Amino acid sequence: MGSIYKRGDVYWVKYYRNGKSYRESCKTNKEGEAKRVLKKREGEISDGKIPGVYFDRIKFNDLADDFLDDYRVNGRKSLVRAERSVNHLKTAFEGAKVTNITTPRINAYIQKRLEDGAENATVNRELAALKRIFNIGAQQTPPKVDRVIYIPMLKESNVRKGFFEHGDFLKLRDALPDYLKGFVTFAYKTGWRVSEIEGLVWPQIDLDNGIVRLETGETKNDEGRTVYLDKELQKVFQNQLDERKKHTKVLPWVFVNEPKNGPIKDFRGAWAKACETAEIGDRLFHDFRRTAVRNMVRAGIPERVAMMVSGHKTRSVFDRYNIVSDTDLRLASQKTETYLRAQKGTVSGTVIKIEKKRGKADNA
């Protein structure tokens, strides 16, 4: 049985669960209110529930740490993105009790992020992380939250836009530092993700047979992949190997940041400068992925094969790239016009033939 007592002018309650005592301030000087709190806690315990005061002690940081530990233990490849999302969430919820994180408070966070210039998709990734944080808290033994709150999501467009026409690609490549030229050429032709190319090491390369392999577990979708190199890419990899032999320190990576003599990691500065020099506007490295898929489809490569090369696991993800550019739309319009003109000529020719036949019949 529990009991009621006072500390100063405020009533407190004391009760037991599984032999462990709990003390909780009722935050009132009214005995009746304190009795209702005690009755509520005793009811929760008799129903086998954890007393609500337990959840009041859990803070956002506790759940966020469990969330990131889950990513580390399971070797998730998106750990960096998860850490970035948690850092943004901490600006609003760090130190907050989880019981005080409510939907209105989350809406205020969303509004603030949008005012700061964050895109809907970016905010949604952060909200998805928050959902996962609460779900992991609910799955703990014992649970760290008594409920998973409603978290609204923003509307976003999944259609990707942005392509490299071949001329623009050549301009960009010419403007990039030498150590990035082969790197972007491989991306332009295969559509591989930047992290996959950055992590390429020589044991994955079979130059004798012109093959590059990603083993199972090394890709985002955990599926292995094999790509056969064309003549230009074979030359790219041979050049990389020749450069490697010149160094006294043997490095495992295929593409190396020559100034730093290490792996290529962050080249945003060189990329932005090259885009400006090439006068092609702001471009994303991810545009290579869309471009490679579109080029393979245009070349008549079956979509299933194109997906195997680029590493798209499902057709829905493949379709989201919307493999259409302004050039494609222009060509469609021109082809339609040519077809209609041909149809008009066919109809006219048919009418003339009919008229000639009628004339012959009248003469007869």
Protein backbone atom coordinates (compact mmCIF):
# COMPACT_ATOMS: atom_id res chain seq x y z
CA MET A 1 0.00 0.00 0.00
CA GLY A 2 1.10 3.53 -0.68
CA SER A 3 1.11 6.54 1.57
CA ILE A 4 0.77 10.31 1.46
CA TYR A 5 3.11 12.73 3.20
CA LYS A 6 4.15 16.37 3.02
CA ARG A 7 7.38 18.13 2.22
CA GLY A 8 6.85 21.69 3.25
CA ASP A 9 3.48 22.69 1.85
CA VAL A 10 3.50 20.15 -1.03
CA TYR A 11 2.03 16.68 -0.85
CA TRP A 12 4.03 13.66 -1.99
CA VAL A 13 3.03 10.05 -2.50
CA LYS A 14 5.00 6.88 -1.90
CA TYR A 15 4.12 3.49 -3.41
CA TYR A 16 5.75 0.19 -4.36
CA ARG A 17 6.11 -1.88 -7.54
CA ASN A 18 7.89 -5.25 -7.52
CA GLY A 19 9.39 -4.39 -4.16
CA LYS A 20 10.83 -1.09 -5.38
CA SER A 21 9.64 2.14 -3.81
CA TYR A 22 8.65 5.18 -5.84
CA ARG A 23 8.27 8.71 -4.54
CA GLU A 24 6.51 11.38 -6.53
CA SER A 25 5.60 15.00 -5.91
CA CYS A 26 1.89 15.72 -6.43
CA LYS A 27 2.74 19.42 -6.94
CA THR A 28 -0.24 20.44 -4.83
CA ASN A 29 -1.04 21.43 -1.26
CA LYS A 30 -4.45 19.75 -1.43
CA GLU A 31 -4.74 16.35 0.24
CA GLY A 32 -7.61 15.27 -2.03
CA GLU A 33 -5.48 15.79 -5.15
CA ALA A 34 -2.67 13.77 -3.56
CA LYS A 35 -5.06 10.90 -2.80
CA ARG A 36 -6.21 10.85 -6.44
CA VAL A 37 -2.57 10.66 -7.64
CA LEU A 38 -1.87 7.78 -5.27
CA LYS A 39 -5.01 5.93 -6.34
CA LYS A 40 -4.05 6.36 -10.00
CA ARG A 41 -0.55 4.99 -9.42
CA GLU A 42 -1.84 2.05 -7.41
CA GLY A 43 -4.33 1.32 -10.21
CA GLU A 44 -1.54 1.31 -12.82
CA ILE A 45 0.51 -1.09 -10.68
CA SER A 46 -2.41 -3.45 -10.10
CA ASP A 47 -2.99 -3.56 -13.89
CA GLY A 48 0.66 -4.53 -14.39
CA LYS A 49 1.58 -1.16 -15.87
CA ILE A 50 4.68 0.87 -15.17
CA PRO A 51 3.86 3.94 -13.05
CA GLY A 52 3.66 7.11 -15.10
CA VAL A 53 6.34 8.77 -12.99
CA TYR A 54 8.86 6.34 -14.50
CA PHE A 55 8.25 7.80 -17.98
CA ASP A 56 8.49 11.33 -16.60
CA ARG A 57 12.13 10.66 -15.79
CA ILE A 58 13.06 9.67 -19.37
CA LYS A 59 14.50 12.47 -21.47
CA PHE A 60 14.89 12.91 -25.22
CA ASN A 61 18.66 12.41 -25.01
CA ASP A 62 18.16 8.94 -23.49
CA LEU A 63 16.02 7.85 -26.44
CA ALA A 64 18.30 9.52 -29.00
CA ASP A 65 21.31 7.63 -27.62
CA ASP A 66 19.42 4.32 -27.91
CA PHE A 67 18.46 5.23 -31.49
CA LEU A 68 22.07 5.89 -32.55
CA ASP A 69 23.30 2.78 -30.70
CA ASP A 70 20.81 0.75 -32.73
CA TYR A 71 22.32 2.16 -35.93
CA ARG A 72 25.86 1.36 -34.79
CA VAL A 73 25.10 -2.17 -33.56
CA ASN A 74 23.32 -3.07 -36.80
CA GLY A 75 25.98 -1.44 -38.98
CA ARG A 76 23.49 0.78 -40.77
CA LYS A 77 25.04 2.67 -43.66
CA SER A 78 22.99 5.81 -43.00
CA LEU A 79 24.49 6.43 -39.53
CA VAL A 80 25.88 9.82 -40.60
CA ARG A 81 22.46 10.94 -41.77
CA ALA A 82 20.89 9.67 -38.53
CA GLU A 83 23.43 11.63 -36.47
CA ARG A 84 22.69 14.74 -38.53
CA SER A 85 18.95 14.35 -37.92
CA VAL A 86 19.47 13.90 -34.16
CA ASN A 87 21.60 17.05 -34.03
CA HIS A 88 18.79 19.05 -35.62
CA LEU A 89 16.19 17.50 -33.30
CA LYS A 90 18.31 18.38 -30.28
CA THR A 91 17.95 22.08 -31.09
CA ALA A 92 14.31 21.75 -30.01
CA PHE A 93 14.14 18.72 -27.72
CA GLU A 94 17.50 18.35 -25.97
CA GLY A 95 16.97 17.76 -22.25
CA ALA A 96 13.18 17.62 -22.67
CA LYS A 97 11.15 14.97 -20.88
CA VAL A 98 9.62 12.61 -23.44
CA THR A 99 6.22 13.13 -21.82
CA ASN A 100 6.50 16.81 -22.73
CA ILE A 101 7.20 16.15 -26.42
CA THR A 102 3.77 16.59 -27.96
CA THR A 103 2.38 16.99 -31.47
CA PRO A 104 1.95 20.79 -31.10
CA ARG A 105 5.58 21.04 -30.01
CA ILE A 106 6.64 18.99 -33.04
CA ASN A 107 4.61 21.27 -35.31
CA ALA A 108 6.50 24.22 -33.86
CA TYR A 109 9.77 22.43 -34.68
CA ILE A 110 8.60 21.84 -38.26
CA GLN A 111 7.69 25.50 -38.67
CA LYS A 112 11.08 26.62 -37.35
CA ARG A 113 12.98 24.28 -39.71
CA LEU A 114 11.02 25.51 -42.71
CA GLU A 115 11.66 29.13 -41.71
CA ASP A 116 15.37 28.29 -41.55
CA GLY A 117 15.21 27.19 -45.19
CA ALA A 118 15.11 23.40 -44.80
CA GLU A 119 13.38 21.51 -47.60
CA ASN A 120 10.29 19.39 -46.92
CA ALA A 121 12.23 16.22 -47.71
CA THR A 122 14.97 17.16 -45.24
CA VAL A 123 12.49 17.85 -42.46
CA ASN A 124 10.71 14.56 -43.21
CA ARG A 125 13.97 12.64 -42.75
CA GLU A 126 14.31 14.27 -39.32
CA LEU A 127 10.69 13.48 -38.43
CA ALA A 128 11.19 9.88 -39.54
CA ALA A 129 14.18 9.70 -37.18
CA LEU A 130 11.98 11.06 -34.36
CA LYS A 131 9.39 8.36 -35.06
CA ARG A 132 12.08 5.71 -34.95
CA ILE A 133 13.40 7.18 -31.69
CA PHE A 134 10.00 6.77 -30.04
CA ASN A 135 9.42 3.31 -31.52
CA ILE A 136 12.74 2.05 -30.14
CA GLY A 137 11.82 3.56 -26.77
CA ALA A 138 8.50 1.68 -26.81
CA GLN A 139 10.23 -1.61 -27.73
CA GLN A 140 12.66 -1.51 -24.79
CA THR A 141 12.31 -3.87 -21.81
CA PRO A 142 11.06 -2.19 -19.76
CA PRO A 143 9.66 0.40 -22.21
CA LYS A 144 10.95 3.95 -21.94
CA VAL A 145 7.81 5.55 -23.37
CA ASP A 146 4.21 4.62 -22.68
CA ARG A 147 3.04 5.62 -26.14
CA VAL A 148 4.32 6.60 -29.60
CA ILE A 149 3.05 10.09 -30.27
CA TYR A 150 1.51 11.23 -33.55
CA ILE A 151 4.15 12.88 -35.74
CA PRO A 152 2.85 14.70 -38.84
CA MET A 153 4.81 14.47 -42.10
CA LEU A 154 5.15 17.06 -44.84
CA LYS A 155 4.17 16.57 -48.45
CA GLU A 156 7.15 16.15 -50.74
CA SER A 157 7.76 15.38 -54.37
CA ASN A 158 9.61 12.14 -55.08
CA VAL A 159 10.23 13.00 -58.73
CA ARG A 160 13.91 13.69 -59.26
CA LYS A 161 15.00 16.24 -61.82
CA GLY A 162 18.35 17.18 -63.21
CA PHE A 163 20.42 15.57 -65.93
CA PHE A 164 23.77 16.01 -67.59
CA GLU A 165 23.68 16.38 -71.33
CA HIS A 166 26.91 14.99 -72.73
CA GLY A 167 28.33 18.39 -73.62
CA ASP A 168 27.76 19.72 -70.11
CA PHE A 169 29.42 16.65 -68.62
CA LEU A 170 32.53 17.16 -70.77
CA LYS A 171 32.72 20.83 -69.73
CA LEU A 172 32.45 19.89 -66.07
CA ARG A 173 35.04 17.14 -66.30
CA ASP A 174 37.51 19.45 -68.01
CA ALA A 175 37.06 22.00 -65.21
CA LEU A 176 37.60 19.50 -62.36
CA PRO A 177 40.99 18.68 -60.81
CA ASP A 178 42.74 15.72 -62.44
CA TYR A 179 42.17 13.41 -59.48
CA LEU A 180 38.37 13.77 -59.94
CA LYS A 181 38.18 13.28 -63.72
CA GLY A 182 38.15 9.47 -63.65
CA PHE A 183 35.91 9.52 -60.59
CA VAL A 184 33.14 11.47 -62.34
CA THR A 185 33.55 9.53 -65.59
CA PHE A 186 32.77 6.29 -63.76
CA ALA A 187 29.78 7.94 -62.05
CA TYR A 188 28.48 9.36 -65.35
CA LYS A 189 28.52 5.96 -67.05
CA THR A 190 27.37 3.65 -64.25
CA GLY A 191 25.12 5.78 -62.05
CA TRP A 192 26.73 4.42 -58.88
CA ARG A 193 26.26 6.29 -55.63
CA VAL A 194 29.06 8.59 -54.55
CA SER A 195 29.75 6.54 -51.40
CA GLU A 196 30.09 3.36 -53.47
CA ILE A 197 32.70 4.95 -55.74
CA GLU A 198 34.56 6.59 -52.86
CA GLY A 199 34.90 3.22 -51.15
CA LEU A 200 36.19 1.25 -54.16
CA VAL A 201 39.40 -0.64 -53.36
CA TRP A 202 41.67 -2.57 -55.69
CA PRO A 203 40.59 -6.10 -54.64
CA GLN A 204 37.22 -5.23 -56.18
CA ILE A 205 38.79 -4.55 -59.57
CA ASP A 206 39.59 -7.22 -62.18
CA LEU A 207 41.32 -5.28 -64.94
CA ASP A 208 42.23 -8.41 -66.92
CA ASN A 209 38.54 -9.14 -67.43
CA GLY A 210 37.38 -5.52 -67.22
CA ILE A 211 35.14 -6.05 -64.17
CA VAL A 212 34.30 -4.00 -61.08
CA ARG A 213 32.46 -5.73 -58.26
CA LEU A 214 30.57 -4.65 -55.16
CA GLU A 215 30.08 -7.57 -52.81
CA THR A 216 26.87 -8.30 -50.91
CA GLY A 217 26.58 -5.95 -47.94
CA GLU A 218 28.72 -3.22 -49.51
CA THR A 219 25.81 -1.44 -51.19
CA LYS A 220 22.89 0.56 -49.86
CA ASN A 221 20.43 -2.22 -50.68
CA ASP A 222 22.89 -4.91 -49.47
CA GLU A 223 22.90 -6.64 -52.89
CA GLY A 224 26.10 -7.36 -54.79
CA ARG A 225 26.75 -5.82 -58.18
CA THR A 226 29.02 -6.45 -61.16
CA VAL A 227 29.82 -3.92 -63.89
CA TYR A 228 31.80 -4.58 -67.08
CA LEU A 229 34.03 -1.70 -68.10
CA ASP A 230 33.94 -0.22 -71.58
CA LYS A 231 37.17 0.88 -73.26
CA GLU A 232 37.11 4.39 -71.79
CA LEU A 233 36.56 3.10 -68.24
CA GLN A 234 39.23 0.43 -68.66
CA LYS A 235 41.62 3.24 -69.54
CA VAL A 236 40.46 5.22 -66.49
CA PHE A 237 41.21 2.32 -64.15
CA GLN A 238 44.51 1.56 -65.83
CA ASN A 239 45.54 5.19 -65.36
CA GLN A 240 44.57 4.97 -61.68
CA LEU A 241 46.68 1.85 -61.31
CA ASP A 242 49.66 3.48 -63.03
CA GLU A 243 49.40 6.49 -60.71
CA ARG A 244 49.23 4.17 -57.70
CA LYS A 245 52.51 2.53 -58.67
CA LYS A 246 54.28 5.91 -58.62
CA HIS A 247 53.62 6.43 -54.90
CA THR A 248 55.94 5.07 -52.26
CA LYS A 249 52.95 4.61 -49.95
CA VAL A 250 50.57 2.00 -51.36
CA LEU A 251 46.95 3.07 -50.85
CA PRO A 252 44.02 0.65 -51.06
CA TRP A 253 41.55 3.02 -52.72
CA VAL A 254 41.05 3.18 -56.48
CA PHE A 255 40.25 6.89 -56.51
CA VAL A 256 42.57 8.96 -54.34
CA ASN A 257 42.49 12.59 -53.24
CA GLU A 258 45.94 13.43 -54.57
CA PRO A 259 46.46 16.64 -52.55
CA LYS A 260 45.67 14.80 -49.29
CA ASN A 261 47.04 11.41 -50.35
CA GLY A 262 43.96 9.65 -48.99
CA PRO A 263 40.45 8.61 -50.00
CA ILE A 264 38.11 11.04 -51.74
CA LYS A 265 35.58 12.22 -49.16
CA ASP A 266 34.48 15.81 -49.51
CA PHE A 267 34.96 17.58 -52.83
CA ARG A 268 32.09 20.07 -52.65
CA GLY A 269 34.41 23.04 -53.06
CA ALA A 270 36.09 21.64 -56.18
CA TRP A 271 32.68 20.65 -57.56
CA ALA A 272 31.11 24.09 -57.07
CA LYS A 273 34.13 25.81 -58.62
CA ALA A 274 34.05 23.47 -61.65
CA CYS A 275 30.32 24.08 -62.19
CA GLU A 276 30.98 27.82 -62.16
CA THR A 277 33.96 27.54 -64.53
CA ALA A 278 32.01 25.29 -66.91
CA GLU A 279 29.06 27.73 -66.80
CA ILE A 280 26.52 24.93 -66.37
CA GLY A 281 24.75 26.26 -63.27
CA ASP A 282 24.36 24.50 -59.96
CA ARG A 283 24.43 20.72 -60.39
CA LEU A 284 24.28 17.77 -58.03
CA PHE A 285 26.56 14.76 -58.13
CA HIS A 286 23.39 12.69 -57.87
CA ASP A 287 22.43 14.00 -61.33
CA PHE A 288 24.94 11.47 -62.68
CA ARG A 289 22.74 8.70 -61.31
CA ARG A 290 19.67 9.95 -63.16
CA THR A 291 21.70 10.60 -66.29
CA ALA A 292 23.29 7.14 -66.39
CA VAL A 293 19.91 5.43 -66.09
CA ARG A 294 18.38 7.63 -68.78
CA ASN A 295 21.32 7.06 -71.12
CA MET A 296 21.08 3.28 -70.69
CA VAL A 297 17.34 3.34 -71.39
CA ARG A 298 17.89 5.54 -74.45
CA ALA A 299 20.56 3.12 -75.68
CA GLY A 300 17.99 0.33 -75.69
CA ILE A 301 19.33 -1.50 -72.63
CA PRO A 302 16.49 -3.43 -70.92
CA GLU A 303 15.32 -1.64 -67.81
CA ARG A 304 16.02 -4.67 -65.63
CA VAL A 305 19.65 -4.68 -66.77
CA ALA A 306 19.93 -0.90 -66.27
CA MET A 307 18.65 -1.36 -62.71
CA MET A 308 21.29 -4.02 -62.06
CA VAL A 309 24.06 -1.69 -63.25
CA SER A 310 22.89 1.37 -61.28
CA GLY A 311 21.87 -0.60 -58.20
CA HIS A 312 18.14 0.15 -58.10
CA LYS A 313 16.45 -2.64 -56.16
CA THR A 314 12.80 -1.92 -56.95
CA ARG A 315 10.99 -0.65 -60.02
CA SER A 316 9.19 2.03 -57.98
CA VAL A 317 12.50 3.63 -56.98
CA PHE A 318 13.73 3.37 -60.57
CA ASP A 319 10.56 5.10 -61.83
CA ARG A 320 10.94 7.94 -59.32
CA TYR A 321 13.87 9.21 -61.33
CA ASN A 322 11.39 10.14 -64.07
CA ILE A 323 13.77 9.40 -66.93
CA VAL A 324 12.65 12.37 -69.02
CA SER A 325 14.43 15.65 -69.76
CA ASP A 326 13.51 18.75 -71.74
CA THR A 327 15.40 17.27 -74.69
CA ASP A 328 13.28 14.12 -74.51
CA LEU A 329 10.09 16.18 -74.47
CA ARG A 330 11.29 18.25 -77.45
CA LEU A 331 12.10 15.09 -79.40
CA ALA A 332 8.66 13.68 -78.57
CA SER A 333 7.02 16.81 -79.97
CA GLN A 334 9.13 16.68 -83.14
CA LYS A 335 8.43 12.98 -83.70
CA THR A 336 4.70 13.55 -83.22
CA GLU A 337 4.76 16.39 -85.74
CA THR A 338 6.67 14.26 -88.28
CA TYR A 339 4.22 11.40 -87.80
CA LEU A 340 1.17 13.63 -88.31
CA ARG A 341 2.68 15.12 -91.44
CA ALA A 342 3.26 11.63 -92.81
CA GLN A 343 -0.31 10.72 -91.97
CA LYS A 344 -1.57 13.84 -93.75
CA GLY A 345 0.40 12.90 -96.86
CA THR A 346 -0.96 9.36 -96.77
CA VAL A 347 -4.53 10.61 -96.50
CA SER A 348 -4.01 13.09 -99.35
CA GLY A 349 -2.48 10.38 -101.53
CA THR A 350 -5.39 8.06 -100.83
CA VAL A 351 -7.91 10.77 -101.79
CA ILE A 352 -6.07 11.41 -105.09
CA LYS A 353 -6.08 7.70 -105.95
CA ILE A 354 -9.79 7.46 -105.18
CA GLU A 355 -10.52 10.50 -107.38
CA LYS A 356 -8.50 8.97 -110.24
CA LYS A 357 -10.41 5.71 -109.97
CA ARG A 358 -13.70 7.61 -110.02
CA GLY A 359 -12.56 9.50 -113.11
CA LYS A 360 -11.75 6.27 -114.95
CA ALA A 361 -15.13 4.81 -113.99
CA ASP A 362 -16.98 7.91 -115.27
CA ASN A 363 -15.11 7.75 -118.58
CA ALA A 364 -16.01 4.10 -118.96
